[in-house]
Amino acid sequence: MAKHTARLHAPADFGLAIQQARLDHFMSQQQLAELLGIPQSTISEIESGKSTIYLRRLLTLARATGIELTATWEDGDATRG
């Protein structure tokens, strides 16, 4: 399995990392939404980089304190899908 890492500097970075990890696990937005108990539209908004006040604050806090946020994930099971 391949391991992926992405630096998260902006809401779009976070959304792209979520999308790539989801796709690497052969999941649709609907499947992920059902797993989390949230609307599929929420997954779509996150993946499109829609900025929320909480995510903006988190990224601002990280920058102000010198914290680097990264996302790391492995490819899903290649036999699925």
N, C-alpha and C. Protein backbone atom coordinates (compact mmCIF):
# COMPACT_ATOMS: atom_id res chain seq x y z
N MET A 1 0.83 -1.19 0.00
CA MET A 1 0.00 0.00 0.00
C MET A 1 0.87 1.24 0.00
N ALA A 2 0.49 2.21 -0.78
CA ALA A 2 1.21 3.47 -0.84
C ALA A 2 0.73 4.38 0.28
N LYS A 3 1.66 5.16 0.81
CA LYS A 3 1.34 6.12 1.85
C LYS A 3 1.42 7.51 1.26
N HIS A 4 0.44 8.35 1.57
CA HIS A 4 0.37 9.70 1.03
C HIS A 4 0.39 10.70 2.18
N THR A 5 1.01 11.85 1.94
CA THR A 5 1.05 12.92 2.92
C THR A 5 0.79 14.24 2.19
N ALA A 6 -0.01 15.09 2.81
CA ALA A 6 -0.30 16.42 2.25
C ALA A 6 -0.20 17.45 3.36
N ARG A 7 0.40 18.59 3.05
CA ARG A 7 0.43 19.70 3.99
C ARG A 7 -0.87 20.47 3.87
N LEU A 8 -1.39 20.89 5.01
CA LEU A 8 -2.67 21.59 5.03
C LEU A 8 -2.46 23.04 5.44
N HIS A 9 -2.52 23.92 4.45
CA HIS A 9 -2.33 25.35 4.70
C HIS A 9 -3.61 26.14 4.51
N ALA A 10 -4.57 25.58 3.79
CA ALA A 10 -5.81 26.29 3.46
C ALA A 10 -6.96 25.29 3.43
N PRO A 11 -8.19 25.78 3.53
CA PRO A 11 -9.34 24.87 3.47
C PRO A 11 -9.34 23.98 2.23
N ALA A 12 -8.88 24.51 1.10
CA ALA A 12 -8.83 23.71 -0.13
C ALA A 12 -7.86 22.54 0.02
N ASP A 13 -6.76 22.74 0.75
CA ASP A 13 -5.80 21.65 0.98
C ASP A 13 -6.46 20.54 1.79
N PHE A 14 -7.22 20.92 2.81
CA PHE A 14 -7.91 19.96 3.65
C PHE A 14 -8.92 19.18 2.81
N GLY A 15 -9.69 19.88 2.00
CA GLY A 15 -10.69 19.23 1.16
C GLY A 15 -10.08 18.27 0.16
N LEU A 16 -8.97 18.67 -0.45
CA LEU A 16 -8.31 17.80 -1.42
C LEU A 16 -7.77 16.54 -0.75
N ALA A 17 -7.20 16.70 0.45
CA ALA A 17 -6.69 15.53 1.17
C ALA A 17 -7.82 14.56 1.51
N ILE A 18 -8.96 15.09 1.95
CA ILE A 18 -10.11 14.24 2.25
C ILE A 18 -10.57 13.52 0.99
N GLN A 19 -10.66 14.26 -0.11
CA GLN A 19 -11.11 13.66 -1.37
C GLN A 19 -10.16 12.55 -1.81
N GLN A 20 -8.86 12.82 -1.80
CA GLN A 20 -7.90 11.82 -2.25
C GLN A 20 -7.92 10.58 -1.37
N ALA A 21 -8.00 10.78 -0.05
CA ALA A 21 -8.06 9.63 0.85
C ALA A 21 -9.33 8.82 0.62
N ARG A 22 -10.44 9.52 0.41
CA ARG A 22 -11.72 8.83 0.14
C ARG A 22 -11.61 8.01 -1.13
N LEU A 23 -11.09 8.60 -2.20
CA LEU A 23 -10.95 7.90 -3.46
C LEU A 23 -9.98 6.72 -3.35
N ASP A 24 -8.90 6.91 -2.59
CA ASP A 24 -7.94 5.82 -2.39
C ASP A 24 -8.57 4.65 -1.63
N HIS A 25 -9.65 4.91 -0.92
CA HIS A 25 -10.37 3.85 -0.20
C HIS A 25 -11.63 3.41 -0.95
N PHE A 26 -11.70 3.80 -2.23
CA PHE A 26 -12.79 3.36 -3.11
C PHE A 26 -14.16 3.66 -2.54
N MET A 27 -14.29 4.84 -1.94
CA MET A 27 -15.56 5.26 -1.35
C MET A 27 -16.15 6.41 -2.14
N SER A 28 -17.46 6.39 -2.27
CA SER A 28 -18.16 7.52 -2.87
C SER A 28 -18.40 8.56 -1.77
N GLN A 29 -18.75 9.76 -2.17
CA GLN A 29 -19.13 10.77 -1.18
C GLN A 29 -20.31 10.27 -0.36
N GLN A 30 -21.26 9.63 -1.01
CA GLN A 30 -22.45 9.13 -0.31
C GLN A 30 -22.07 8.07 0.72
N GLN A 31 -21.17 7.17 0.37
CA GLN A 31 -20.75 6.13 1.32
C GLN A 31 -20.07 6.75 2.54
N LEU A 32 -19.21 7.73 2.31
CA LEU A 32 -18.53 8.38 3.43
C LEU A 32 -19.52 9.14 4.30
N ALA A 33 -20.46 9.82 3.66
CA ALA A 33 -21.47 10.56 4.40
C ALA A 33 -22.31 9.62 5.27
N GLU A 34 -22.70 8.49 4.72
CA GLU A 34 -23.49 7.52 5.50
C GLU A 34 -22.68 6.98 6.67
N LEU A 35 -21.40 6.71 6.44
CA LEU A 35 -20.53 6.22 7.50
C LEU A 35 -20.45 7.22 8.66
N LEU A 36 -20.43 8.51 8.31
CA LEU A 36 -20.28 9.57 9.31
C LEU A 36 -21.61 10.09 9.84
N GLY A 37 -22.71 9.71 9.17
CA GLY A 37 -24.03 10.19 9.59
C GLY A 37 -24.25 11.66 9.28
N ILE A 38 -23.71 12.10 8.15
CA ILE A 38 -23.88 13.49 7.73
C ILE A 38 -24.37 13.50 6.28
N PRO A 39 -24.92 14.62 5.82
CA PRO A 39 -25.38 14.69 4.43
C PRO A 39 -24.22 14.61 3.42
N GLN A 40 -24.49 14.03 2.27
CA GLN A 40 -23.49 13.95 1.20
C GLN A 40 -23.07 15.35 0.79
N SER A 41 -23.98 16.30 0.86
CA SER A 41 -23.65 17.68 0.47
C SER A 41 -22.55 18.27 1.35
N THR A 42 -22.49 17.82 2.60
CA THR A 42 -21.43 18.29 3.50
C THR A 42 -20.07 17.79 3.02
N ILE A 43 -20.01 16.53 2.61
CA ILE A 43 -18.76 15.98 2.08
C ILE A 43 -18.36 16.77 0.84
N SER A 44 -19.31 17.05 -0.04
CA SER A 44 -19.03 17.81 -1.25
C SER A 44 -18.48 19.19 -0.92
N GLU A 45 -19.07 19.87 0.04
CA GLU A 45 -18.61 21.20 0.42
C GLU A 45 -17.19 21.15 0.99
N ILE A 46 -16.91 20.16 1.83
CA ILE A 46 -15.57 20.02 2.41
C ILE A 46 -14.55 19.78 1.30
N GLU A 47 -14.87 18.83 0.41
CA GLU A 47 -13.93 18.49 -0.65
C GLU A 47 -13.71 19.63 -1.64
N SER A 48 -14.70 20.48 -1.81
CA SER A 48 -14.54 21.61 -2.73
C SER A 48 -13.77 22.76 -2.09
N GLY A 49 -13.39 22.60 -0.82
CA GLY A 49 -12.58 23.62 -0.15
C GLY A 49 -13.38 24.72 0.49
N LYS A 50 -14.69 24.49 0.65
CA LYS A 50 -15.51 25.52 1.30
C LYS A 50 -14.93 25.82 2.68
N SER A 51 -14.68 27.05 2.92
CA SER A 51 -14.07 27.47 4.17
C SER A 51 -15.14 27.66 5.24
N THR A 52 -14.87 27.15 6.40
CA THR A 52 -15.76 27.38 7.53
C THR A 52 -15.01 28.20 8.57
N ILE A 53 -15.74 28.84 9.43
CA ILE A 53 -15.12 29.66 10.48
C ILE A 53 -14.21 28.80 11.35
N TYR A 54 -14.62 27.57 11.63
CA TYR A 54 -13.82 26.70 12.48
C TYR A 54 -12.53 26.28 11.79
N LEU A 55 -12.60 25.92 10.53
CA LEU A 55 -11.40 25.52 9.81
C LEU A 55 -10.46 26.70 9.63
N ARG A 56 -11.00 27.87 9.31
CA ARG A 56 -10.15 29.06 9.19
C ARG A 56 -9.45 29.36 10.51
N ARG A 57 -10.18 29.27 11.61
CA ARG A 57 -9.57 29.54 12.92
C ARG A 57 -8.49 28.52 13.24
N LEU A 58 -8.76 27.26 12.94
CA LEU A 58 -7.78 26.21 13.20
C LEU A 58 -6.50 26.46 12.40
N LEU A 59 -6.63 26.80 11.14
CA LEU A 59 -5.46 27.06 10.31
C LEU A 59 -4.72 28.31 10.78
N THR A 60 -5.45 29.35 11.21
CA THR A 60 -4.82 30.56 11.74
C THR A 60 -4.07 30.26 13.04
N LEU A 61 -4.69 29.46 13.91
CA LEU A 61 -4.02 29.06 15.15
C LEU A 61 -2.75 28.27 14.86
N ALA A 62 -2.83 27.38 13.91
CA ALA A 62 -1.65 26.58 13.57
C ALA A 62 -0.53 27.48 13.06
N ARG A 63 -0.84 28.40 12.15
CA ARG A 63 0.19 29.31 11.63
C ARG A 63 0.79 30.16 12.75
N ALA A 64 -0.05 30.70 13.62
CA ALA A 64 0.41 31.59 14.68
C ALA A 64 1.31 30.89 15.69
N THR A 65 1.12 29.61 15.85
CA THR A 65 1.90 28.85 16.83
C THR A 65 2.99 27.99 16.20
N GLY A 66 3.14 28.09 14.88
CA GLY A 66 4.19 27.35 14.21
C GLY A 66 3.88 25.87 14.01
N ILE A 67 2.62 25.50 14.18
CA ILE A 67 2.23 24.10 13.97
C ILE A 67 2.00 23.86 12.49
N GLU A 68 2.54 22.76 11.99
CA GLU A 68 2.29 22.37 10.61
C GLU A 68 1.28 21.23 10.62
N LEU A 69 0.16 21.44 9.95
CA LEU A 69 -0.86 20.40 9.86
C LEU A 69 -0.62 19.59 8.60
N THR A 70 -0.64 18.27 8.76
CA THR A 70 -0.50 17.38 7.61
C THR A 70 -1.56 16.30 7.69
N ALA A 71 -1.86 15.74 6.56
CA ALA A 71 -2.77 14.60 6.48
C ALA A 71 -1.97 13.44 5.90
N THR A 72 -2.08 12.27 6.50
CA THR A 72 -1.39 11.09 6.02
C THR A 72 -2.40 9.95 5.92
N TRP A 73 -2.38 9.25 4.80
CA TRP A 73 -3.28 8.12 4.62
C TRP A 73 -2.63 7.10 3.70
N GLU A 74 -3.11 5.89 3.79
CA GLU A 74 -2.65 4.82 2.93
C GLU A 74 -3.75 4.47 1.94
N ASP A 75 -3.34 3.93 0.79
CA ASP A 75 -4.32 3.46 -0.18
C ASP A 75 -5.20 2.41 0.46
N GLY A 76 -6.43 2.32 -0.02
CA GLY A 76 -7.35 1.29 0.47
C GLY A 76 -7.00 -0.06 -0.11
N ASP A 77 -7.76 -1.05 0.26
CA ASP A 77 -7.59 -2.41 -0.21
C ASP A 77 -7.92 -2.46 -1.70
N ALA A 78 -6.97 -2.81 -2.52
CA ALA A 78 -7.14 -2.81 -3.98
C ALA A 78 -8.17 -3.84 -4.45
N THR A 79 -8.57 -4.76 -3.62
CA THR A 79 -9.55 -5.77 -4.03
C THR A 79 -10.97 -5.26 -3.91
N ARG A 80 -11.16 -4.11 -3.26
CA ARG A 80 -12.49 -3.51 -3.13
C ARG A 80 -12.84 -2.75 -4.39
N GLY A 81 -14.12 -2.37 -4.48
CA GLY A 81 -14.52 -1.49 -5.56
C GLY A 81 -15.27 -2.19 -6.56
